[in-house]
Amino acid sequence: MRRAVAWAFTGGAHLLPESVEAVEALVDRGVCVTAYISAAGEEVLRMYGLLDRVVRACSGDYPREVVFERDEGKSFPRAARVFRGLYEAVVVSPATQNTCAKIAYGIADSLVSTLASLSLKARVRLWVVPTDVKEVVAKMPLTVDRSLCTGCGSCPPAESCPQEALSWDGEVVRVNLLKCNGCGVCIPLCPKGSLSIGREVVVKPSSLNMEILEKIRDMPGVWVAKSPNEVVKAILG
């Protein structure tokens, strides 16, 4: 049987590019990866222009597959594959505070939290790569600098956006991130330079987040990693 891993994406932006790179690295080394993508994870992967990369890496012969939460109803049946001995490990990366809290308290009401819960019941090693465990500099998806967007009378970026993610209300341009796929077509079209991808912001962990993390560290069957690359090294040996 070919080696296989289940990799779950939540809606965290921190460590998201690194998680996609980790999945690609496993696939390149011959490991089959099933990507389990939460509803928020799908949105955020698209915003950062990473969704297509995950789909390419994880599409192919079974068990290479992409499982979207939107297709799984309320019972998340494909999460139960962990009981068939298909996966040597389940990875949740990036794991948001919301998902970490659900794992810590045994809540299984979403695709990823159900996958994590079932992996523990099936005695399949569960790797968790939590976000926001220390102060980090995170990068934003497409944003508008309001100090630069002063109104041009028309908006070339909005007129040219292939996803119709930008709208012009006669005064400023507005971004609908649920439509944006991070293609960047709009950025050089703004004469004022008001649009950008990758704007840096500082994110600080909360005390509650650290309490949840400590609870997860003490759970049997759960391994907490600092980075997706740490998980890849452990899996590949």
C-alpha atoms as a PDB file:
ATOM      1  CA  MET A   1       0.000   0.000   0.000  1.00  0.00           C
ATOM      2  CA  ARG A   2       1.256   3.474  -0.856  1.00  0.00           C
ATOM      3  CA  ARG A   3       2.008   5.807   2.025  1.00  0.00           C
ATOM      4  CA  ALA A   4      -0.822   8.224   2.684  1.00  0.00           C
ATOM      5  CA  VAL A   5      -1.433  11.221   4.926  1.00  0.00           C
ATOM      6  CA  ALA A   6      -4.543  13.290   5.604  1.00  0.00           C
ATOM      7  CA  TRP A   7      -3.777  17.028   5.694  1.00  0.00           C
ATOM      8  CA  ALA A   8      -6.459  19.392   6.995  1.00  0.00           C
ATOM      9  CA  PHE A   9      -6.557  23.118   6.232  1.00  0.00           C
ATOM     10  CA  THR A  10      -8.458  25.522   8.472  1.00  0.00           C
ATOM     11  CA  GLY A  11      -9.006  29.256   7.969  1.00  0.00           C
ATOM     12  CA  GLY A  12      -5.705  30.440   9.419  1.00  0.00           C
ATOM     13  CA  ALA A  13      -3.491  32.639   7.263  1.00  0.00           C
ATOM     14  CA  HIS A  14      -0.358  32.301   9.399  1.00  0.00           C
ATOM     15  CA  LEU A  15       1.707  29.296   8.200  1.00  0.00           C
ATOM     16  CA  LEU A  16      -0.693  28.788   5.298  1.00  0.00           C
ATOM     17  CA  PRO A  17       1.894  29.094   2.461  1.00  0.00           C
ATOM     18  CA  GLU A  18       4.256  26.867   4.444  1.00  0.00           C
ATOM     19  CA  SER A  19       1.491  24.276   4.838  1.00  0.00           C
ATOM     20  CA  VAL A  20       0.864  24.214   1.099  1.00  0.00           C
ATOM     21  CA  GLU A  21       4.599  23.837   0.459  1.00  0.00           C
ATOM     22  CA  ALA A  22       4.694  20.960   2.959  1.00  0.00           C
ATOM     23  CA  VAL A  23       1.901  19.129   1.151  1.00  0.00           C
ATOM     24  CA  GLU A  24       3.719  19.587  -2.157  1.00  0.00           C
ATOM     25  CA  ALA A  25       6.939  18.268  -0.594  1.00  0.00           C
ATOM     26  CA  LEU A  26       5.196  15.110   0.638  1.00  0.00           C
ATOM     27  CA  VAL A  27       3.618  14.488  -2.747  1.00  0.00           C
ATOM     28  CA  ASP A  28       6.984  15.011  -4.466  1.00  0.00           C
ATOM     29  CA  ARG A  29       8.411  12.281  -2.216  1.00  0.00           C
ATOM     30  CA  GLY A  30       5.701   9.821  -3.217  1.00  0.00           C
ATOM     31  CA  VAL A  31       3.326  10.269  -0.275  1.00  0.00           C
ATOM     32  CA  CYS A  32      -0.360  10.370  -1.204  1.00  0.00           C
ATOM     33  CA  VAL A  33      -2.086  13.306   0.465  1.00  0.00           C
ATOM     34  CA  THR A  34      -5.803  13.740   0.950  1.00  0.00           C
ATOM     35  CA  ALA A  35      -6.521  17.418   1.575  1.00  0.00           C
ATOM     36  CA  TYR A  36      -9.429  18.069   3.923  1.00  0.00           C
ATOM     37  CA  ILE A  37     -10.399  21.723   3.502  1.00  0.00           C
ATOM     38  CA  SER A  38     -12.759  23.509   5.871  1.00  0.00           C
ATOM     39  CA  ALA A  39     -15.224  26.106   4.596  1.00  0.00           C
ATOM     40  CA  ALA A  40     -13.064  28.901   6.003  1.00  0.00           C
ATOM     41  CA  GLY A  41      -9.932  27.186   4.747  1.00  0.00           C
ATOM     42  CA  GLU A  42     -11.285  27.156   1.211  1.00  0.00           C
ATOM     43  CA  GLU A  43     -12.018  30.866   1.356  1.00  0.00           C
ATOM     44  CA  VAL A  44      -8.625  31.810   2.783  1.00  0.00           C
ATOM     45  CA  LEU A  45      -6.672  29.541   0.431  1.00  0.00           C
ATOM     46  CA  ARG A  46      -8.439  31.241  -2.477  1.00  0.00           C
ATOM     47  CA  MET A  47      -7.766  34.750  -1.108  1.00  0.00           C
ATOM     48  CA  TYR A  48      -4.047  34.038  -0.993  1.00  0.00           C
ATOM     49  CA  GLY A  49      -3.969  32.409  -4.429  1.00  0.00           C
ATOM     50  CA  LEU A  50      -3.074  28.994  -2.978  1.00  0.00           C
ATOM     51  CA  LEU A  51      -6.192  26.893  -3.550  1.00  0.00           C
ATOM     52  CA  ASP A  52      -5.252  25.770  -7.045  1.00  0.00           C
ATOM     53  CA  ARG A  53      -1.872  24.567  -5.790  1.00  0.00           C
ATOM     54  CA  VAL A  54      -3.504  22.331  -3.197  1.00  0.00           C
ATOM     55  CA  VAL A  55      -5.951  20.953  -5.757  1.00  0.00           C
ATOM     56  CA  ARG A  56      -3.114  20.170  -8.201  1.00  0.00           C
ATOM     57  CA  ALA A  57      -0.974  18.504  -5.546  1.00  0.00           C
ATOM     58  CA  CYS A  58      -3.758  16.377  -4.079  1.00  0.00           C
ATOM     59  CA  SER A  59      -5.680  15.353  -7.206  1.00  0.00           C
ATOM     60  CA  GLY A  60      -4.881  11.984  -8.730  1.00  0.00           C
ATOM     61  CA  ASP A  61      -5.181   8.296  -8.003  1.00  0.00           C
ATOM     62  CA  TYR A  62      -6.916   7.396  -4.765  1.00  0.00           C
ATOM     63  CA  PRO A  63      -6.247   8.373  -2.022  1.00  0.00           C
ATOM     64  CA  ARG A  64      -4.941  11.611  -3.535  1.00  0.00           C
ATOM     65  CA  GLU A  65      -8.063  13.706  -3.309  1.00  0.00           C
ATOM     66  CA  VAL A  66      -9.436  17.051  -2.144  1.00  0.00           C
ATOM     67  CA  VAL A  67     -12.345  16.871   0.315  1.00  0.00           C
ATOM     68  CA  PHE A  68     -14.220  20.140   0.730  1.00  0.00           C
ATOM     69  CA  GLU A  69     -16.376  20.734   3.786  1.00  0.00           C
ATOM     70  CA  ARG A  70     -19.124  22.157   1.552  1.00  0.00           C
ATOM     71  CA  ASP A  71     -19.548  18.711  -0.039  1.00  0.00           C
ATOM     72  CA  GLU A  72     -19.708  16.706   3.185  1.00  0.00           C
ATOM     73  CA  GLY A  73     -23.115  17.495   4.638  1.00  0.00           C
ATOM     74  CA  LYS A  74     -23.375  17.424   8.426  1.00  0.00           C
ATOM     75  CA  SER A  75     -21.885  13.962   9.059  1.00  0.00           C
ATOM     76  CA  PHE A  76     -18.575  14.396   7.191  1.00  0.00           C
ATOM     77  CA  PRO A  77     -18.518  10.755   6.006  1.00  0.00           C
ATOM     78  CA  ARG A  78     -15.117  10.847   4.312  1.00  0.00           C
ATOM     79  CA  ALA A  79     -13.476  11.769   7.607  1.00  0.00           C
ATOM     80  CA  ALA A  80     -14.243   8.197   8.743  1.00  0.00           C
ATOM     81  CA  ARG A  81     -11.580   6.873   6.364  1.00  0.00           C
ATOM     82  CA  VAL A  82      -9.170   7.047   9.286  1.00  0.00           C
ATOM     83  CA  PHE A  83     -10.717   3.822  10.634  1.00  0.00           C
ATOM     84  CA  ARG A  84      -9.674   1.896   7.522  1.00  0.00           C
ATOM     85  CA  GLY A  85      -5.965   2.181   8.209  1.00  0.00           C
ATOM     86  CA  LEU A  86      -5.524   4.340   5.135  1.00  0.00           C
ATOM     87  CA  TYR A  87      -3.513   7.152   6.734  1.00  0.00           C
ATOM     88  CA  GLU A  88      -0.345   6.891   8.780  1.00  0.00           C
ATOM     89  CA  ALA A  89      -0.962  10.386  10.142  1.00  0.00           C
ATOM     90  CA  VAL A  90      -3.518  13.173  10.232  1.00  0.00           C
ATOM     91  CA  VAL A  91      -2.153  16.710  10.101  1.00  0.00           C
ATOM     92  CA  VAL A  92      -4.042  19.892  10.945  1.00  0.00           C
ATOM     93  CA  SER A  93      -1.984  22.783   9.608  1.00  0.00           C
ATOM     94  CA  PRO A  94      -2.562  25.605  10.006  1.00  0.00           C
ATOM     95  CA  ALA A  95      -4.733  24.978  13.064  1.00  0.00           C
ATOM     96  CA  THR A  96      -6.651  28.041  14.225  1.00  0.00           C
ATOM     97  CA  GLN A  97      -7.475  28.751  17.853  1.00  0.00           C
ATOM     98  CA  ASN A  98     -11.067  27.747  17.110  1.00  0.00           C
ATOM     99  CA  THR A  99     -10.038  24.325  15.807  1.00  0.00           C
ATOM    100  CA  CYS A 100      -7.495  23.825  18.596  1.00  0.00           C
ATOM    101  CA  ALA A 101     -10.186  24.555  21.191  1.00  0.00           C
ATOM    102  CA  LYS A 102     -12.494  21.992  19.611  1.00  0.00           C
ATOM    103  CA  ILE A 103      -9.758  19.354  19.639  1.00  0.00           C
ATOM    104  CA  ALA A 104      -8.902  20.163  23.242  1.00  0.00           C
ATOM    105  CA  TYR A 105     -12.496  19.778  24.436  1.00  0.00           C
ATOM    106  CA  GLY A 106     -13.600  16.920  22.175  1.00  0.00           C
ATOM    107  CA  ILE A 107     -15.951  18.943  19.992  1.00  0.00           C
ATOM    108  CA  ALA A 108     -16.560  17.453  16.537  1.00  0.00           C
ATOM    109  CA  ASP A 109     -18.952  19.717  14.648  1.00  0.00           C
ATOM    110  CA  SER A 110     -16.934  20.566  11.532  1.00  0.00           C
ATOM    111  CA  LEU A 111     -14.998  18.651   8.889  1.00  0.00           C
ATOM    112  CA  VAL A 112     -11.588  19.260  10.480  1.00  0.00           C
ATOM    113  CA  SER A 113     -12.622  18.829  14.118  1.00  0.00           C
ATOM    114  CA  THR A 114     -14.436  15.598  13.184  1.00  0.00           C
ATOM    115  CA  LEU A 115     -11.371  14.333  11.320  1.00  0.00           C
ATOM    116  CA  ALA A 116      -9.201  15.114  14.351  1.00  0.00           C
ATOM    117  CA  SER A 117     -11.644  13.479  16.775  1.00  0.00           C
ATOM    118  CA  LEU A 118     -11.929  10.320  14.690  1.00  0.00           C
ATOM    119  CA  SER A 119      -8.167  10.078  14.245  1.00  0.00           C
ATOM    120  CA  LEU A 120      -7.748   9.943  18.033  1.00  0.00           C
ATOM    121  CA  LYS A 121     -10.426   7.256  18.280  1.00  0.00           C
ATOM    122  CA  ALA A 122      -8.739   5.273  15.506  1.00  0.00           C
ATOM    123  CA  ARG A 123      -5.325   5.651  17.165  1.00  0.00           C
ATOM    124  CA  VAL A 124      -3.913   7.453  14.134  1.00  0.00           C
ATOM    125  CA  ARG A 125      -1.182   9.945  15.018  1.00  0.00           C
ATOM    126  CA  LEU A 126      -2.572  13.484  15.019  1.00  0.00           C
ATOM    127  CA  TRP A 127      -0.200  16.341  14.238  1.00  0.00           C
ATOM    128  CA  VAL A 128      -1.343  19.869  15.092  1.00  0.00           C
ATOM    129  CA  VAL A 129       0.483  22.981  13.869  1.00  0.00           C
ATOM    130  CA  PRO A 130      -1.225  25.821  15.763  1.00  0.00           C
ATOM    131  CA  THR A 131      -1.271  29.450  14.684  1.00  0.00           C
ATOM    132  CA  ASP A 132      -0.736  32.466  16.928  1.00  0.00           C
ATOM    133  CA  VAL A 133       1.410  30.734  19.560  1.00  0.00           C
ATOM    134  CA  LYS A 134       3.850  33.639  19.555  1.00  0.00           C
ATOM    135  CA  GLU A 135       3.980  37.173  18.238  1.00  0.00           C
ATOM    136  CA  VAL A 136       4.320  36.979  14.479  1.00  0.00           C
ATOM    137  CA  VAL A 137       4.260  39.250  11.468  1.00  0.00           C
ATOM    138  CA  ALA A 138       1.435  38.060   9.217  1.00  0.00           C
ATOM    139  CA  LYS A 139       0.754  39.005   5.627  1.00  0.00           C
ATOM    140  CA  MET A 140      -2.651  40.239   4.517  1.00  0.00           C
ATOM    141  CA  PRO A 141      -4.511  39.341   1.313  1.00  0.00           C
ATOM    142  CA  LEU A 142      -5.524  42.107  -1.105  1.00  0.00           C
ATOM    143  CA  THR A 143      -6.054  45.390   0.744  1.00  0.00           C
ATOM    144  CA  VAL A 144      -6.773  49.026  -0.138  1.00  0.00           C
ATOM    145  CA  ASP A 145      -4.787  51.904   1.328  1.00  0.00           C
ATOM    146  CA  ARG A 146      -7.527  54.470   1.928  1.00  0.00           C
ATOM    147  CA  SER A 147      -5.005  57.274   2.216  1.00  0.00           C
ATOM    148  CA  LEU A 148      -3.988  56.659  -1.400  1.00  0.00           C
ATOM    149  CA  CYS A 149      -7.367  55.750  -2.924  1.00  0.00           C
ATOM    150  CA  THR A 150      -8.719  59.251  -3.372  1.00  0.00           C
ATOM    151  CA  GLY A 151     -11.109  58.732  -6.279  1.00  0.00           C
ATOM    152  CA  CYS A 152     -10.124  58.858  -9.928  1.00  0.00           C
ATOM    153  CA  GLY A 153     -13.502  59.251 -11.528  1.00  0.00           C
ATOM    154  CA  SER A 154     -13.178  55.693 -12.773  1.00  0.00           C
ATOM    155  CA  CYS A 155     -11.358  52.619 -11.463  1.00  0.00           C
ATOM    156  CA  PRO A 156      -9.231  50.579 -13.907  1.00  0.00           C
ATOM    157  CA  PRO A 157      -8.563  47.829 -11.301  1.00  0.00           C
ATOM    158  CA  ALA A 158     -12.285  47.303 -10.695  1.00  0.00           C
ATOM    159  CA  GLU A 159     -13.028  47.364 -14.414  1.00  0.00           C
ATOM    160  CA  SER A 160     -10.324  44.775 -15.140  1.00  0.00           C
ATOM    161  CA  CYS A 161     -10.696  42.337 -12.224  1.00  0.00           C
ATOM    162  CA  PRO A 162     -11.392  38.896 -13.759  1.00  0.00           C
ATOM    163  CA  GLN A 163     -13.147  37.758 -10.573  1.00  0.00           C
ATOM    164  CA  GLU A 164     -15.256  40.925 -10.169  1.00  0.00           C
ATOM    165  CA  ALA A 165     -13.848  41.153  -6.654  1.00  0.00           C
ATOM    166  CA  LEU A 166     -13.457  44.942  -6.836  1.00  0.00           C
ATOM    167  CA  SER A 167     -16.262  47.466  -6.950  1.00  0.00           C
ATOM    168  CA  TRP A 168     -16.217  51.238  -7.398  1.00  0.00           C
ATOM    169  CA  ASP A 169     -18.855  53.245  -5.538  1.00  0.00           C
ATOM    170  CA  GLY A 170     -17.923  56.589  -7.050  1.00  0.00           C
ATOM    171  CA  GLU A 171     -15.603  57.485  -4.180  1.00  0.00           C
ATOM    172  CA  VAL A 172     -13.407  54.515  -3.265  1.00  0.00           C
ATOM    173  CA  VAL A 173     -12.742  50.991  -4.487  1.00  0.00           C
ATOM    174  CA  ARG A 174     -13.970  48.145  -2.291  1.00  0.00           C
ATOM    175  CA  VAL A 175     -12.653  44.571  -2.135  1.00  0.00           C
ATOM    176  CA  ASN A 176     -14.807  41.463  -1.798  1.00  0.00           C
ATOM    177  CA  LEU A 177     -12.254  38.960  -0.526  1.00  0.00           C
ATOM    178  CA  LEU A 178     -14.708  36.099  -0.943  1.00  0.00           C
ATOM    179  CA  LYS A 179     -14.353  36.586  -4.702  1.00  0.00           C
ATOM    180  CA  CYS A 180     -10.649  37.475  -4.801  1.00  0.00           C
ATOM    181  CA  ASN A 181      -8.221  34.722  -5.777  1.00  0.00           C
ATOM    182  CA  GLY A 182      -5.054  36.724  -5.211  1.00  0.00           C
ATOM    183  CA  CYS A 183      -4.133  36.919  -8.894  1.00  0.00           C
ATOM    184  CA  GLY A 184      -2.744  40.456  -8.511  1.00  0.00           C
ATOM    185  CA  VAL A 185      -3.974  41.690 -11.903  1.00  0.00           C
ATOM    186  CA  CYS A 186      -5.441  44.782 -10.289  1.00  0.00           C
ATOM    187  CA  ILE A 187      -2.329  45.986  -8.459  1.00  0.00           C
ATOM    188  CA  PRO A 188      -0.343  47.611 -11.296  1.00  0.00           C
ATOM    189  CA  LEU A 189      -3.524  49.110 -12.776  1.00  0.00           C
ATOM    190  CA  CYS A 190      -4.113  51.507  -9.885  1.00  0.00           C
ATOM    191  CA  PRO A 191      -2.525  54.879 -10.766  1.00  0.00           C
ATOM    192  CA  LYS A 192      -2.297  55.782  -7.067  1.00  0.00           C
ATOM    193  CA  GLY A 193      -0.718  52.492  -5.979  1.00  0.00           C
ATOM    194  CA  SER A 194      -3.420  51.934  -3.377  1.00  0.00           C
ATOM    195  CA  LEU A 195      -3.758  48.165  -3.835  1.00  0.00           C
ATOM    196  CA  SER A 196      -1.362  45.622  -2.405  1.00  0.00           C
ATOM    197  CA  ILE A 197      -1.031  41.982  -1.393  1.00  0.00           C
ATOM    198  CA  GLY A 198       1.161  40.958   1.520  1.00  0.00           C
ATOM    199  CA  ARG A 199       0.751  43.980   3.762  1.00  0.00           C
ATOM    200  CA  GLU A 200       2.315  43.079   7.097  1.00  0.00           C
ATOM    201  CA  VAL A 201       0.506  43.196  10.428  1.00  0.00           C
ATOM    202  CA  VAL A 202       1.599  42.093  13.898  1.00  0.00           C
ATOM    203  CA  VAL A 203      -0.443  39.299  15.497  1.00  0.00           C
ATOM    204  CA  LYS A 204      -0.096  38.573  19.212  1.00  0.00           C
ATOM    205  CA  PRO A 205      -1.346  35.406  20.948  1.00  0.00           C
ATOM    206  CA  SER A 206      -3.969  35.627  23.674  1.00  0.00           C
ATOM    207  CA  SER A 207      -3.608  34.014  27.086  1.00  0.00           C
ATOM    208  CA  LEU A 208      -6.588  31.784  26.247  1.00  0.00           C
ATOM    209  CA  ASN A 209      -4.816  30.575  23.138  1.00  0.00           C
ATOM    210  CA  MET A 210      -1.815  29.520  25.211  1.00  0.00           C
ATOM    211  CA  GLU A 211      -4.042  27.689  27.717  1.00  0.00           C
ATOM    212  CA  ILE A 212      -5.675  25.732  24.908  1.00  0.00           C
ATOM    213  CA  LEU A 213      -2.281  24.886  23.438  1.00  0.00           C
ATOM    214  CA  GLU A 214      -1.032  23.498  26.745  1.00  0.00           C
ATOM    215  CA  LYS A 215      -4.143  21.325  27.029  1.00  0.00           C
ATOM    216  CA  ILE A 216      -3.535  19.891  23.555  1.00  0.00           C
ATOM    217  CA  ARG A 217       0.126  19.174  24.364  1.00  0.00           C
ATOM    218  CA  ASP A 218      -1.002  16.947  27.238  1.00  0.00           C
ATOM    219  CA  MET A 219      -3.428  14.906  25.106  1.00  0.00           C
ATOM    220  CA  PRO A 220      -2.385  11.314  24.295  1.00  0.00           C
ATOM    221  CA  GLY A 221      -2.078  10.742  20.568  1.00  0.00           C
ATOM    222  CA  VAL A 222      -1.476  14.407  19.711  1.00  0.00           C
ATOM    223  CA  TRP A 223       1.859  15.795  18.563  1.00  0.00           C
ATOM    224  CA  VAL A 224       2.214  19.584  18.432  1.00  0.00           C
ATOM    225  CA  ALA A 225       4.690  20.970  15.881  1.00  0.00           C
ATOM    226  CA  LYS A 226       6.101  24.451  15.486  1.00  0.00           C
ATOM    227  CA  SER A 227       6.000  24.369  11.698  1.00  0.00           C
ATOM    228  CA  PRO A 228       4.634  22.313   8.794  1.00  0.00           C
ATOM    229  CA  ASN A 229       8.212  21.500   7.784  1.00  0.00           C
ATOM    230  CA  GLU A 230       8.767  19.833  11.158  1.00  0.00           C
ATOM    231  CA  VAL A 231       5.853  17.516  10.374  1.00  0.00           C
ATOM    232  CA  VAL A 232       7.215  16.702   6.925  1.00  0.00           C
ATOM    233  CA  LYS A 233      10.601  15.760   8.355  1.00  0.00           C
ATOM    234  CA  ALA A 234       8.970  13.514  10.940  1.00  0.00           C
ATOM    235  CA  ILE A 235       6.796  11.759   8.350  1.00  0.00           C
ATOM    236  CA  LEU A 236       9.617  11.243   5.861  1.00  0.00           C
ATOM    237  CA  GLY A 237      11.994  10.176   8.608  1.00  0.00           C
END
